[in-house]
C-alpha atoms as a PDB file:
ATOM      1  CA  VAL A   1     134.475 154.984  29.060  1.00  0.00           C
ATOM      2  CA  ASP A   2     135.293 152.476  31.830  1.00  0.00           C
ATOM      3  CA  THR A   3     135.647 149.756  29.448  1.00  0.00           C
ATOM      4  CA  LEU A   4     139.271 150.533  28.221  1.00  0.00           C
ATOM      5  CA  LYS A   5     139.946 151.124  31.632  1.00  0.00           C
ATOM      6  CA  GLY A   6     140.000 147.433  32.580  1.00  0.00           C
ATOM      7  CA  ASP A   7     143.554 145.420  32.245  1.00  0.00           C
ATOM      8  CA  GLY A   8     142.338 144.592  28.421  1.00  0.00           C
ATOM      9  CA  PRO A   9     143.660 143.760  26.384  1.00  0.00           C
ATOM     10  CA  PHE A  10     141.539 145.659  23.805  1.00  0.00           C
ATOM     11  CA  THR A  11     141.365 145.545  20.391  1.00  0.00           C
ATOM     12  CA  VAL A  12     140.454 149.633  19.264  1.00  0.00           C
ATOM     13  CA  PHE A  13     139.334 150.394  16.134  1.00  0.00           C
ATOM     14  CA  ALA A  14     140.053 153.992  16.150  1.00  0.00           C
ATOM     15  CA  PRO A  15     139.226 156.599  13.521  1.00  0.00           C
ATOM     16  CA  THR A  16     141.040 159.791  12.307  1.00  0.00           C
ATOM     17  CA  ASP A  17     140.076 163.141  12.832  1.00  0.00           C
ATOM     18  CA  ASP A  18     139.082 163.424   9.437  1.00  0.00           C
ATOM     19  CA  ALA A  19     136.767 160.657   9.875  1.00  0.00           C
ATOM     20  CA  PHE A  20     134.793 162.848  12.964  1.00  0.00           C
ATOM     21  CA  ALA A  21     135.188 165.879  11.132  1.00  0.00           C
ATOM     22  CA  ALA A  22     132.972 164.197   8.421  1.00  0.00           C
ATOM     23  CA  LEU A  23     130.158 163.449  10.506  1.00  0.00           C
ATOM     24  CA  PRO A  24     127.549 165.092   9.725  1.00  0.00           C
ATOM     25  CA  ASP A  25     127.537 168.971  10.989  1.00  0.00           C
ATOM     26  CA  GLY A  26     126.516 169.030  15.074  1.00  0.00           C
ATOM     27  CA  THR A  27     127.248 165.168  15.131  1.00  0.00           C
ATOM     28  CA  VAL A  28     130.172 165.629  17.761  1.00  0.00           C
ATOM     29  CA  GLU A  29     128.211 168.422  19.596  1.00  0.00           C
ATOM     30  CA  THR A  30     124.955 166.727  20.122  1.00  0.00           C
ATOM     31  CA  LEU A  31     126.976 163.518  21.308  1.00  0.00           C
ATOM     32  CA  LEU A  32     129.088 164.889  23.830  1.00  0.00           C
ATOM     33  CA  LYS A  33     125.823 166.625  25.458  1.00  0.00           C
ATOM     34  CA  PRO A  34     124.998 165.112  29.121  1.00  0.00           C
ATOM     35  CA  GLU A  35     121.909 163.354  28.242  1.00  0.00           C
ATOM     36  CA  ASN A  36     123.778 161.886  25.218  1.00  0.00           C
ATOM     37  CA  LYS A  37     126.171 160.078  26.947  1.00  0.00           C
ATOM     38  CA  ASP A  38     125.070 156.719  26.952  1.00  0.00           C
ATOM     39  CA  LYS A  39     124.669 157.092  22.986  1.00  0.00           C
ATOM     40  CA  LEU A  40     128.134 158.448  23.163  1.00  0.00           C
ATOM     41  CA  ALA A  41     129.337 155.696  25.098  1.00  0.00           C
ATOM     42  CA  SER A  42     127.437 152.713  22.741  1.00  0.00           C
ATOM     43  CA  ILE A  43     129.180 154.722  19.374  1.00  0.00           C
ATOM     44  CA  LEU A  44     132.415 154.431  21.260  1.00  0.00           C
ATOM     45  CA  THR A  45     132.726 150.787  22.824  1.00  0.00           C
ATOM     46  CA  TYR A  46     131.393 149.525  19.730  1.00  0.00           C
ATOM     47  CA  HIS A  47     134.987 150.441  18.278  1.00  0.00           C
ATOM     48  CA  VAL A  48     136.239 148.291  20.643  1.00  0.00           C
ATOM     49  CA  VAL A  49     136.665 144.604  20.390  1.00  0.00           C
ATOM     50  CA  PRO A  50     137.748 142.206  24.106  1.00  0.00           C
ATOM     51  CA  GLY A  51     141.139 140.765  23.035  1.00  0.00           C
ATOM     52  CA  LYS A  52     144.010 141.691  21.081  1.00  0.00           C
ATOM     53  CA  VAL A  53     143.681 141.147  17.650  1.00  0.00           C
ATOM     54  CA  MET A  54     146.073 142.082  14.868  1.00  0.00           C
ATOM     55  CA  SER A  55     146.329 142.260  11.261  1.00  0.00           C
ATOM     56  CA  GLY A  56     147.390 138.652  10.413  1.00  0.00           C
ATOM     57  CA  ASP A  57     145.098 137.489  12.657  1.00  0.00           C
ATOM     58  CA  LEU A  58     142.162 138.493  10.138  1.00  0.00           C
ATOM     59  CA  SER A  59     140.361 136.607   7.799  1.00  0.00           C
ATOM     60  CA  ASP A  60     137.806 137.483   5.165  1.00  0.00           C
ATOM     61  CA  ASN A  61     134.167 138.021   6.785  1.00  0.00           C
ATOM     62  CA  MET A  62     135.557 137.561   9.929  1.00  0.00           C
ATOM     63  CA  SER A  63     132.686 138.794  12.479  1.00  0.00           C
ATOM     64  CA  ALA A  64     134.064 140.368  16.044  1.00  0.00           C
ATOM     65  CA  THR A  65     132.066 140.788  18.874  1.00  0.00           C
ATOM     66  CA  THR A  66     132.211 144.614  20.141  1.00  0.00           C
ATOM     67  CA  ALA A  67     132.571 145.767  23.719  1.00  0.00           C
ATOM     68  CA  GLN A  68     129.066 147.535  23.377  1.00  0.00           C
ATOM     69  CA  GLY A  69     127.642 143.721  21.814  1.00  0.00           C
ATOM     70  CA  GLY A  70     127.031 144.094  18.558  1.00  0.00           C
ATOM     71  CA  ASP A  71     129.091 142.511  15.888  1.00  0.00           C
ATOM     72  CA  LEU A  72     131.735 143.952  13.412  1.00  0.00           C
ATOM     73  CA  THR A  73     132.139 142.030   9.888  1.00  0.00           C
ATOM     74  CA  ILE A  74     136.030 142.697   8.963  1.00  0.00           C
ATOM     75  CA  LYS A  75     136.760 141.838   5.346  1.00  0.00           C
ATOM     76  CA  THR A  76     140.732 141.398   3.925  1.00  0.00           C
ATOM     77  CA  LYS A  77     139.839 141.490  -0.135  1.00  0.00           C
ATOM     78  CA  ASP A  78     141.420 144.467  -1.747  1.00  0.00           C
ATOM     79  CA  GLY A  79     142.309 145.528   1.623  1.00  0.00           C
ATOM     80  CA  VAL A  80     141.155 145.804   5.332  1.00  0.00           C
ATOM     81  CA  THR A  81     137.993 147.129   6.034  1.00  0.00           C
ATOM     82  CA  VAL A  82     135.664 146.998   9.199  1.00  0.00           C
ATOM     83  CA  ASN A  83     132.043 147.521   8.215  1.00  0.00           C
ATOM     84  CA  GLY A  84     132.892 148.703   5.123  1.00  0.00           C
ATOM     85  CA  VAL A  85     135.442 151.151   6.596  1.00  0.00           C
ATOM     86  CA  ASN A  86     138.943 150.931   5.696  1.00  0.00           C
ATOM     87  CA  VAL A  87     141.511 150.357   8.180  1.00  0.00           C
ATOM     88  CA  VAL A  88     144.315 152.878   7.274  1.00  0.00           C
ATOM     89  CA  SER A  89     146.946 152.440   9.906  1.00  0.00           C
ATOM     90  CA  ALA A  90     147.188 148.511  10.982  1.00  0.00           C
ATOM     91  CA  ASP A  91     149.158 147.088  14.388  1.00  0.00           C
ATOM     92  CA  ILE A  92     149.912 149.881  16.439  1.00  0.00           C
ATOM     93  CA  GLU A  93     150.839 148.701  19.595  1.00  0.00           C
ATOM     94  CA  ALA A  94     149.893 149.719  23.018  1.00  0.00           C
ATOM     95  CA  SER A  95     150.338 149.192  26.415  1.00  0.00           C
ATOM     96  CA  ASN A  96     146.898 147.453  26.974  1.00  0.00           C
ATOM     97  CA  GLY A  97     146.262 145.989  23.176  1.00  0.00           C
ATOM     98  CA  VAL A  98     146.365 147.039  19.581  1.00  0.00           C
ATOM     99  CA  ILE A  99     144.965 149.872  17.865  1.00  0.00           C
ATOM    100  CA  HIS A 100     143.927 149.854  13.785  1.00  0.00           C
ATOM    101  CA  VAL A 101     143.257 153.212  12.490  1.00  0.00           C
ATOM    102  CA  ILE A 102     140.197 153.518  10.165  1.00  0.00           C
ATOM    103  CA  ASP A 103     139.217 156.646   8.161  1.00  0.00           C
ATOM    104  CA  ALA A 104     135.329 156.969   9.531  1.00  0.00           C
ATOM    105  CA  VAL A 105     133.286 156.546  12.636  1.00  0.00           C
ATOM    106  CA  ILE A 106     131.703 153.136  12.872  1.00  0.00           C
ATOM    107  CA  ILE A 107     128.191 153.824  14.063  1.00  0.00           C
ATOM    108  CA  PRO A 108     126.375 150.904  15.486  1.00  0.00           C
ATOM    109  CA  GLU A 109     122.381 150.125  14.150  1.00  0.00           C
END
């Protein structure tokens, strides 16, 4: 995805391997087909927020606009969630931003 080739900074909500494995059978294979390139790019960029957002910057019911153009809702009560998905590891620093690991793939509506 070309979005992440930029200088950043970016905040990436990265699903675990188990999150991808939990998708319905055939989902990943279907998304990897050339004719589904735009849909795959949409899902991937829906997990990216321009700017570096650390966990300390988050507030309950915060909204963040993704690189895809949609909005994510972040909640901080009883643990941090993004669109209802749990953040399982936060604030992993990267050269072009920060990664927060999540336990499910977020599909744009």
